[in-house]
C-alpha atoms as a PDB file:
ATOM      1  CA  MET A   1      75.052  82.328 -92.638  1.00  0.00           C
ATOM      2  CA  SER A   2      78.645  81.146 -92.474  1.00  0.00           C
ATOM      3  CA  GLU A   3      79.252  82.847 -89.126  1.00  0.00           C
ATOM      4  CA  PRO A   4      76.824  83.835 -86.380  1.00  0.00           C
ATOM      5  CA  ARG A   5      76.087  87.534 -86.109  1.00  0.00           C
ATOM      6  CA  SER A   6      74.154  89.254 -83.347  1.00  0.00           C
ATOM      7  CA  SER A   7      71.725  86.801 -81.794  1.00  0.00           C
ATOM      8  CA  PHE A   8      68.618  88.659 -82.948  1.00  0.00           C
ATOM      9  CA  VAL A   9      69.680  87.988 -86.527  1.00  0.00           C
ATOM     10  CA  ALA A  10      71.414  84.624 -86.210  1.00  0.00           C
ATOM     11  CA  ARG A  11      68.647  82.665 -84.541  1.00  0.00           C
ATOM     12  CA  LYS A  12      65.954  80.994 -86.596  1.00  0.00           C
ATOM     13  CA  GLN A  13      63.130  81.776 -84.177  1.00  0.00           C
ATOM     14  CA  PRO A  14      60.862  84.823 -84.591  1.00  0.00           C
ATOM     15  CA  SER A  15      62.489  88.075 -83.550  1.00  0.00           C
ATOM     16  CA  TYR A  16      60.530  91.252 -82.842  1.00  0.00           C
ATOM     17  CA  GLY A  17      61.841  94.775 -83.070  1.00  0.00           C
ATOM     18  CA  ALA A  18      60.470  98.289 -82.787  1.00  0.00           C
ATOM     19  CA  TRP A  19      61.602 101.373 -84.664  1.00  0.00           C
ATOM     20  CA  CYS A  20      62.775 104.548 -82.961  1.00  0.00           C
ATOM     21  CA  ILE A  21      61.984 107.777 -84.779  1.00  0.00           C
ATOM     22  CA  ILE A  22      61.780 109.983 -81.654  1.00  0.00           C
ATOM     23  CA  PRO A  23      65.171 111.561 -80.838  1.00  0.00           C
ATOM     24  CA  SER A  24      65.224 110.489 -77.194  1.00  0.00           C
ATOM     25  CA  GLY A  25      67.122 107.939 -75.160  1.00  0.00           C
ATOM     26  CA  PHE A  26      64.322 107.899 -72.605  1.00  0.00           C
ATOM     27  CA  SER A  27      61.599 106.964 -75.086  1.00  0.00           C
ATOM     28  CA  ALA A  28      63.924 104.282 -76.464  1.00  0.00           C
ATOM     29  CA  GLN A  29      64.322 102.882 -72.951  1.00  0.00           C
ATOM     30  CA  LEU A  30      60.551 102.717 -72.524  1.00  0.00           C
ATOM     31  CA  ILE A  31      60.237 100.771 -75.782  1.00  0.00           C
ATOM     32  CA  ALA A  32      63.168  98.490 -74.921  1.00  0.00           C
ATOM     33  CA  GLU A  33      61.739  97.749 -71.475  1.00  0.00           C
ATOM     34  CA  ALA A  34      58.589  96.404 -73.084  1.00  0.00           C
ATOM     35  CA  GLY A  35      60.603  93.366 -74.126  1.00  0.00           C
ATOM     36  CA  PHE A  36      61.478  93.803 -77.792  1.00  0.00           C
ATOM     37  CA  ASP A  37      64.390  91.740 -79.067  1.00  0.00           C
ATOM     38  CA  TRP A  38      65.928  94.716 -80.879  1.00  0.00           C
ATOM     39  CA  LEU A  39      65.386  98.342 -81.723  1.00  0.00           C
ATOM     40  CA  CYS A  40      66.081 100.008 -85.036  1.00  0.00           C
ATOM     41  CA  VAL A  41      66.975 103.679 -84.856  1.00  0.00           C
ATOM     42  CA  ASP A  42      65.735 105.323 -88.026  1.00  0.00           C
ATOM     43  CA  THR A  43      68.083 108.009 -89.309  1.00  0.00           C
ATOM     44  CA  GLN A  44      66.498 107.891 -92.767  1.00  0.00           C
ATOM     45  CA  HIS A  45      62.901 108.888 -92.052  1.00  0.00           C
ATOM     46  CA  GLY A  46      63.061 109.488 -88.301  1.00  0.00           C
ATOM     47  CA  LEU A  47      64.047 112.687 -86.498  1.00  0.00           C
ATOM     48  CA  VAL A  48      67.200 111.240 -84.950  1.00  0.00           C
ATOM     49  CA  GLY A  49      70.525 113.033 -85.385  1.00  0.00           C
ATOM     50  CA  PHE A  50      73.942 111.649 -84.503  1.00  0.00           C
ATOM     51  CA  THR A  51      73.943 113.021 -80.949  1.00  0.00           C
ATOM     52  CA  GLU A  52      70.558 111.444 -80.240  1.00  0.00           C
ATOM     53  CA  LEU A  53      71.654 108.214 -81.933  1.00  0.00           C
ATOM     54  CA  ARG A  54      74.551 107.875 -79.530  1.00  0.00           C
ATOM     55  CA  GLU A  55      72.242 108.692 -76.608  1.00  0.00           C
ATOM     56  CA  ILE A  56      69.812 105.969 -77.628  1.00  0.00           C
ATOM     57  CA  ILE A  57      72.561 103.373 -78.022  1.00  0.00           C
ATOM     58  CA  GLN A  58      73.943 104.250 -74.594  1.00  0.00           C
ATOM     59  CA  ALA A  59      70.490 104.198 -73.017  1.00  0.00           C
ATOM     60  CA  VAL A  60      69.494 100.713 -74.130  1.00  0.00           C
ATOM     61  CA  ARG A  61      72.812  98.847 -74.218  1.00  0.00           C
ATOM     62  CA  PHE A  62      72.773  97.943 -70.520  1.00  0.00           C
ATOM     63  CA  MET A  63      69.221  96.589 -70.968  1.00  0.00           C
ATOM     64  CA  GLY A  64      70.465  93.801 -73.216  1.00  0.00           C
ATOM     65  CA  VAL A  65      68.481  94.968 -76.247  1.00  0.00           C
ATOM     66  CA  ALA A  66      70.336  94.997 -79.542  1.00  0.00           C
ATOM     67  CA  THR A  67      70.381  98.204 -81.573  1.00  0.00           C
ATOM     68  CA  LEU A  68      70.264  98.451 -85.335  1.00  0.00           C
ATOM     69  CA  VAL A  69      70.528 101.710 -87.242  1.00  0.00           C
ATOM     70  CA  ARG A  70      68.791 102.366 -90.520  1.00  0.00           C
ATOM     71  CA  VAL A  71      71.237 104.676 -92.217  1.00  0.00           C
ATOM     72  CA  SER A  72      69.868 107.268 -94.625  1.00  0.00           C
ATOM     73  CA  ALA A  73      71.874 105.976 -97.589  1.00  0.00           C
ATOM     74  CA  ASN A  74      74.270 103.249 -98.660  1.00  0.00           C
ATOM     75  CA  SER A  75      77.267 105.342 -97.674  1.00  0.00           C
ATOM     76  CA  ASP A  76      80.556 103.969 -96.342  1.00  0.00           C
ATOM     77  CA  GLY A  77      80.976 106.923 -94.013  1.00  0.00           C
ATOM     78  CA  GLU A  78      77.456 106.797 -92.634  1.00  0.00           C
ATOM     79  CA  ILE A  79      77.539 103.041 -92.052  1.00  0.00           C
ATOM     80  CA  MET A  80      80.920 103.204 -90.312  1.00  0.00           C
ATOM     81  CA  ARG A  81      79.870 106.135 -88.141  1.00  0.00           C
ATOM     82  CA  ALA A  82      76.764 104.304 -86.922  1.00  0.00           C
ATOM     83  CA  LEU A  83      78.834 101.234 -86.073  1.00  0.00           C
ATOM     84  CA  ASP A  84      81.567 103.283 -84.389  1.00  0.00           C
ATOM     85  CA  ALA A  85      78.846 104.851 -82.229  1.00  0.00           C
ATOM     86  CA  GLY A  86      78.111 101.361 -80.909  1.00  0.00           C
ATOM     87  CA  ALA A  87      75.287  99.982 -83.060  1.00  0.00           C
ATOM     88  CA  ASP A  88      75.070  96.202 -83.335  1.00  0.00           C
ATOM     89  CA  GLY A  89      74.339  96.437 -87.031  1.00  0.00           C
ATOM     90  CA  VAL A  90      72.852  98.472 -89.852  1.00  0.00           C
ATOM     91  CA  VAL A  91      69.844  98.362 -92.130  1.00  0.00           C
ATOM     92  CA  VAL A  92      70.787  99.784 -95.519  1.00  0.00           C
ATOM     93  CA  PRO A  93      67.937 101.241 -97.612  1.00  0.00           C
ATOM     94  CA  LEU A  94      67.284 101.019-101.339  1.00  0.00           C
ATOM     95  CA  VAL A  95      69.706  98.231-102.221  1.00  0.00           C
ATOM     96  CA  ASN A  96      69.106  97.456-105.879  1.00  0.00           C
ATOM     97  CA  SER A  97      71.974  95.239-106.989  1.00  0.00           C
ATOM     98  CA  PRO A  98      74.482  92.701-105.671  1.00  0.00           C
ATOM     99  CA  GLU A  99      77.205  95.322-106.134  1.00  0.00           C
ATOM    100  CA  GLU A 100      75.377  97.725-103.829  1.00  0.00           C
ATOM    101  CA  ALA A 101      74.833  94.959-101.279  1.00  0.00           C
ATOM    102  CA  ALA A 102      78.518  94.040-101.423  1.00  0.00           C
ATOM    103  CA  ALA A 103      79.467  97.678-100.804  1.00  0.00           C
ATOM    104  CA  ALA A 104      77.264  97.766 -97.694  1.00  0.00           C
ATOM    105  CA  VAL A 105      78.795  94.546 -96.381  1.00  0.00           C
ATOM    106  CA  ALA A 106      82.320  95.844 -97.008  1.00  0.00           C
ATOM    107  CA  ALA A 107      81.610  98.976 -94.964  1.00  0.00           C
ATOM    108  CA  CYS A 108      80.569  96.759 -92.032  1.00  0.00           C
ATOM    109  CA  ARG A 109      83.693  94.579 -92.006  1.00  0.00           C
ATOM    110  CA  TYR A 110      87.290  95.327 -91.124  1.00  0.00           C
ATOM    111  CA  PRO A 111      90.037  94.163 -93.520  1.00  0.00           C
ATOM    112  CA  PRO A 112      90.651  91.643 -94.907  1.00  0.00           C
ATOM    113  CA  HIS A 113      86.901  91.072 -95.196  1.00  0.00           C
ATOM    114  CA  GLY A 114      85.917  94.684 -95.896  1.00  0.00           C
ATOM    115  CA  ILE A 115      86.968  98.308 -95.808  1.00  0.00           C
ATOM    116  CA  ARG A 116      85.753  99.444 -92.390  1.00  0.00           C
ATOM    117  CA  SER A 117      88.128 101.998 -90.919  1.00  0.00           C
ATOM    118  CA  TRP A 118      89.528 101.456 -87.418  1.00  0.00           C
ATOM    119  CA  GLY A 119      88.123 103.838 -84.825  1.00  0.00           C
ATOM    120  CA  PRO A 120      85.571 102.082 -82.574  1.00  0.00           C
ATOM    121  CA  THR A 121      85.090 105.111 -80.350  1.00  0.00           C
ATOM    122  CA  GLY A 122      81.772 103.981 -78.910  1.00  0.00           C
ATOM    123  CA  ALA A 123      81.697 100.436 -80.259  1.00  0.00           C
ATOM    124  CA  SER A 124      84.513  99.301 -77.974  1.00  0.00           C
ATOM    125  CA  ILE A 125      82.769 100.426 -74.787  1.00  0.00           C
ATOM    126  CA  GLY A 126      81.494  97.385 -72.911  1.00  0.00           C
ATOM    127  CA  ARG A 127      83.016  95.055 -75.494  1.00  0.00           C
ATOM    128  CA  ARG A 128      86.501  94.368 -74.170  1.00  0.00           C
ATOM    129  CA  PRO A 129      88.577  93.031 -75.670  1.00  0.00           C
ATOM    130  CA  TYR A 130      87.333  94.648 -78.864  1.00  0.00           C
ATOM    131  CA  THR A 131      88.942  93.027 -81.893  1.00  0.00           C
ATOM    132  CA  THR A 132      88.424  93.190 -85.623  1.00  0.00           C
ATOM    133  CA  GLU A 133      87.665  89.476 -85.665  1.00  0.00           C
ATOM    134  CA  THR A 134      84.922  89.777 -83.054  1.00  0.00           C
ATOM    135  CA  ALA A 135      83.422  92.848 -84.693  1.00  0.00           C
ATOM    136  CA  ASN A 136      83.382  91.180 -88.109  1.00  0.00           C
ATOM    137  CA  ARG A 137      81.666  88.149 -86.612  1.00  0.00           C
ATOM    138  CA  GLU A 138      79.052  90.008 -84.550  1.00  0.00           C
ATOM    139  CA  THR A 139      78.115  93.049 -86.647  1.00  0.00           C
ATOM    140  CA  ALA A 140      74.913  92.560 -88.625  1.00  0.00           C
ATOM    141  CA  CYS A 141      74.338  93.900 -92.136  1.00  0.00           C
ATOM    142  CA  LEU A 142      70.800  93.906 -93.549  1.00  0.00           C
ATOM    143  CA  ALA A 143      69.905  95.182 -97.011  1.00  0.00           C
ATOM    144  CA  MET A 144      66.490  96.621 -97.786  1.00  0.00           C
ATOM    145  CA  ILE A 145      64.591  95.565-100.899  1.00  0.00           C
ATOM    146  CA  GLU A 146      62.277  98.457-101.725  1.00  0.00           C
ATOM    147  CA  THR A 147      62.188  98.747-105.524  1.00  0.00           C
ATOM    148  CA  ARG A 148      61.241  96.742-108.583  1.00  0.00           C
ATOM    149  CA  ARG A 149      64.923  96.636-109.563  1.00  0.00           C
ATOM    150  CA  GLY A 150      65.911  95.294-106.169  1.00  0.00           C
ATOM    151  CA  LEU A 151      63.167  92.685-106.405  1.00  0.00           C
ATOM    152  CA  ASP A 152      64.364  91.643-109.865  1.00  0.00           C
ATOM    153  CA  ASN A 153      67.876  91.176-108.438  1.00  0.00           C
ATOM    154  CA  VAL A 154      66.854  89.674-105.106  1.00  0.00           C
ATOM    155  CA  ASP A 155      68.431  86.268-105.681  1.00  0.00           C
ATOM    156  CA  GLU A 156      71.797  87.788-106.600  1.00  0.00           C
ATOM    157  CA  ILE A 157      71.576  90.201-103.646  1.00  0.00           C
ATOM    158  CA  ALA A 158      70.801  87.386-101.210  1.00  0.00           C
ATOM    159  CA  ALA A 159      73.850  85.492-102.484  1.00  0.00           C
ATOM    160  CA  VAL A 160      76.316  88.264-101.550  1.00  0.00           C
ATOM    161  CA  PRO A 161      78.883  86.853 -99.076  1.00  0.00           C
ATOM    162  CA  GLY A 162      78.629  88.392 -95.623  1.00  0.00           C
ATOM    163  CA  LEU A 163      75.098  89.720 -96.003  1.00  0.00           C
ATOM    164  CA  ASP A 164      73.109  88.633 -92.967  1.00  0.00           C
ATOM    165  CA  GLY A 165      69.590  89.312 -94.139  1.00  0.00           C
ATOM    166  CA  ILE A 166      67.160  91.245 -96.280  1.00  0.00           C
ATOM    167  CA  TYR A 167      64.508  93.531 -94.832  1.00  0.00           C
ATOM    168  CA  VAL A 168      61.477  94.432 -96.924  1.00  0.00           C
ATOM    169  CA  GLY A 169      59.971  97.896 -96.893  1.00  0.00           C
ATOM    170  CA  PRO A 170      56.427  97.170 -98.125  1.00  0.00           C
ATOM    171  CA  ASN A 171      55.442 100.801 -98.707  1.00  0.00           C
ATOM    172  CA  ASP A 172      58.347 101.710-100.976  1.00  0.00           C
ATOM    173  CA  LEU A 173      58.261  98.353-102.705  1.00  0.00           C
ATOM    174  CA  GLY A 174      54.554  98.854-103.329  1.00  0.00           C
ATOM    175  CA  LEU A 175      55.176 102.336-104.720  1.00  0.00           C
ATOM    176  CA  SER A 176      57.778 100.932-107.084  1.00  0.00           C
ATOM    177  CA  LEU A 177      55.246  98.354-108.258  1.00  0.00           C
ATOM    178  CA  GLY A 178      52.676 101.055-108.985  1.00  0.00           C
ATOM    179  CA  LEU A 179      50.647 100.649-105.797  1.00  0.00           C
ATOM    180  CA  PRO A 180      49.668 103.366-103.286  1.00  0.00           C
ATOM    181  CA  PRO A 181      51.688 103.794-100.060  1.00  0.00           C
ATOM    182  CA  MET A 182      50.590 103.060 -96.466  1.00  0.00           C
ATOM    183  CA  LEU A 183      49.232  99.648 -97.343  1.00  0.00           C
ATOM    184  CA  THR A 184      48.001  97.381 -94.592  1.00  0.00           C
ATOM    185  CA  ASP A 185      46.010  95.060 -96.846  1.00  0.00           C
ATOM    186  CA  HIS A 186      48.839  94.366 -99.248  1.00  0.00           C
ATOM    187  CA  GLY A 187      46.887  92.562-101.952  1.00  0.00           C
ATOM    188  CA  GLN A 188      48.169  89.706-104.050  1.00  0.00           C
ATOM    189  CA  VAL A 189      50.759  91.582-106.132  1.00  0.00           C
ATOM    190  CA  LEU A 190      52.682  92.959-103.157  1.00  0.00           C
ATOM    191  CA  THR A 191      52.185  89.801-101.084  1.00  0.00           C
ATOM    192  CA  ASP A 192      53.722  87.749-103.875  1.00  0.00           C
ATOM    193  CA  ALA A 193      56.645  90.172-104.133  1.00  0.00           C
ATOM    194  CA  ILE A 194      57.314  90.041-100.395  1.00  0.00           C
ATOM    195  CA  ALA A 195      57.080  86.242-100.446  1.00  0.00           C
ATOM    196  CA  ARG A 196      59.610  86.172-103.280  1.00  0.00           C
ATOM    197  CA  VAL A 197      62.165  87.922-101.063  1.00  0.00           C
ATOM    198  CA  ALA A 198      61.764  85.305 -98.318  1.00  0.00           C
ATOM    199  CA  GLU A 199      62.228  82.531-100.859  1.00  0.00           C
ATOM    200  CA  ALA A 200      65.533  84.056-101.988  1.00  0.00           C
ATOM    201  CA  CYS A 201      66.668  84.377 -98.368  1.00  0.00           C
ATOM    202  CA  ALA A 202      65.856  80.707 -97.751  1.00  0.00           C
ATOM    203  CA  ARG A 203      67.868  79.630-100.784  1.00  0.00           C
ATOM    204  CA  HIS A 204      70.936  81.462 -99.485  1.00  0.00           C
ATOM    205  CA  ASP A 205      70.434  80.843 -95.748  1.00  0.00           C
ATOM    206  CA  ILE A 206      70.091  84.463 -94.684  1.00  0.00           C
ATOM    207  CA  VAL A 207      67.416  86.037 -92.523  1.00  0.00           C
ATOM    208  CA  PRO A 208      64.254  87.525 -94.072  1.00  0.00           C
ATOM    209  CA  GLY A 209      62.732  90.551 -92.340  1.00  0.00           C
ATOM    210  CA  VAL A 210      59.569  92.515 -92.999  1.00  0.00           C
ATOM    211  CA  ALA A 211      57.882  95.614 -91.635  1.00  0.00           C
ATOM    212  CA  VAL A 212      54.521  94.986 -89.966  1.00  0.00           C
ATOM    213  CA  TYR A 213      52.149  97.971 -89.961  1.00  0.00           C
ATOM    214  CA  GLU A 214      48.847  96.153 -89.646  1.00  0.00           C
ATOM    215  CA  PRO A 215      46.603  96.957 -86.652  1.00  0.00           C
ATOM    216  CA  ASP A 216      46.292  93.210 -86.061  1.00  0.00           C
ATOM    217  CA  ALA A 217      50.022  92.602 -85.740  1.00  0.00           C
ATOM    218  CA  ALA A 218      49.595  89.003 -84.569  1.00  0.00           C
ATOM    219  CA  ALA A 219      47.679  88.043 -87.686  1.00  0.00           C
ATOM    220  CA  ALA A 220      50.210  89.799 -89.907  1.00  0.00           C
ATOM    221  CA  VAL A 221      53.107  88.022 -88.202  1.00  0.00           C
ATOM    222  CA  GLU A 222      51.421  84.661 -88.671  1.00  0.00           C
ATOM    223  CA  LYS A 223      50.848  85.467 -92.348  1.00  0.00           C
ATOM    224  CA  TRP A 224      54.493  86.349 -92.953  1.00  0.00           C
ATOM    225  CA  ARG A 225      55.765  83.445 -90.863  1.00  0.00           C
ATOM    226  CA  GLY A 226      53.853  81.252 -93.264  1.00  0.00           C
ATOM    227  CA  HIS A 227      56.002  82.692 -96.042  1.00  0.00           C
ATOM    228  CA  GLY A 228      59.204  82.049 -94.091  1.00  0.00           C
ATOM    229  CA  TYR A 229      59.852  85.384 -92.369  1.00  0.00           C
ATOM    230  CA  THR A 230      61.506  85.391 -88.954  1.00  0.00           C
ATOM    231  CA  LEU A 231      62.525  89.038 -88.387  1.00  0.00           C
ATOM    232  CA  PHE A 232      59.591  91.363 -87.762  1.00  0.00           C
ATOM    233  CA  GLY A 233      59.823  95.141 -87.547  1.00  0.00           C
ATOM    234  CA  LEU A 234      56.839  96.395 -85.570  1.00  0.00           C
ATOM    235  CA  PRO A 235      55.601 100.004 -85.534  1.00  0.00           C
ATOM    236  CA  SER A 236      57.733 102.920 -84.404  1.00  0.00           C
ATOM    237  CA  ASP A 237      57.664 104.642 -81.046  1.00  0.00           C
ATOM    238  CA  GLY A 238      56.013 107.646 -82.705  1.00  0.00           C
ATOM    239  CA  TYR A 239      53.293 105.513 -84.272  1.00  0.00           C
ATOM    240  CA  LEU A 240      52.647 103.643 -81.024  1.00  0.00           C
ATOM    241  CA  LEU A 241      52.388 106.914 -79.079  1.00  0.00           C
ATOM    242  CA  ARG A 242      49.996 108.407 -81.607  1.00  0.00           C
ATOM    243  CA  ARG A 243      47.847 105.281 -81.677  1.00  0.00           C
ATOM    244  CA  ALA A 244      47.670 105.132 -77.870  1.00  0.00           C
ATOM    245  CA  ALA A 245      46.752 108.814 -77.621  1.00  0.00           C
ATOM    246  CA  ASP A 246      44.045 108.463 -80.286  1.00  0.00           C
ATOM    247  CA  ALA A 247      42.590 105.418 -78.543  1.00  0.00           C
ATOM    248  CA  LEU A 248      42.550 107.140 -75.157  1.00  0.00           C
ATOM    249  CA  LEU A 249      40.732 110.203 -76.437  1.00  0.00           C
ATOM    250  CA  ALA A 250      38.289 108.083 -78.425  1.00  0.00           C
ATOM    251  CA  SER A 251      37.382 106.177 -75.265  1.00  0.00           C
ATOM    252  CA  LEU A 252      36.393 109.298 -73.284  1.00  0.00           C
ATOM    253  CA  PRO A 253      32.967 110.941 -73.105  1.00  0.00           C
ATOM    254  CA  GLU A 254      32.396 113.559 -75.778  1.00  0.00           C
ATOM    255  CA  ARG A 255      33.765 116.969 -74.986  1.00  0.00           C
ATOM    256  CA  SER A 256      31.476 119.982 -75.174  1.00  0.00           C
END
């Protein structure tokens, strides 16, 4: 990257984040307190609306945990609104071409480097002085590769100026490649595809990220580190709560 963005993206060491799908600042605080490097609030598949998004950002900012937002679409307005609420960066789904990646980057940057509109209502809080130069330098923009078309164009996408990283959604990418969803044992076809994304990121010096769903997260992280990944999205708050509840009940004596 030509300029450092938020530290959880800029550094070359492994970075671990959790996803927030529960619309609650309190649950986000509990996840943040566990020690994750960043949280990603999911407004695409999660249950989080704008009011809850702002609550989550407010709740975790003082804890020193960076907040990304996965917007529901590659929309200028949606990207800018998430950033104006105070997010440290965005994850943009279903990016299929360098033109789409460039549009996402432009929405994250103030002129002359982009088209972001001035109005940092929440973004300026706790960031004084808030300037366009600082915001352009510190705001992270990650594109998601989730389709065969995106995979075919991954090298051109990774080369887009200002893009900080690419995040792989294994389930959607697998679906696009003709594989079933909810994969934890990815198999060779999907593993090769995910590795191909990291190779493109390495060629263009941007950060590769991948979602880790496997029950043995440590083994999965080691596998993807071997392919060059450094940004790891671990399971969501909803998934972790469900898994903990299932394990607790399974450990108890049988009920009559």
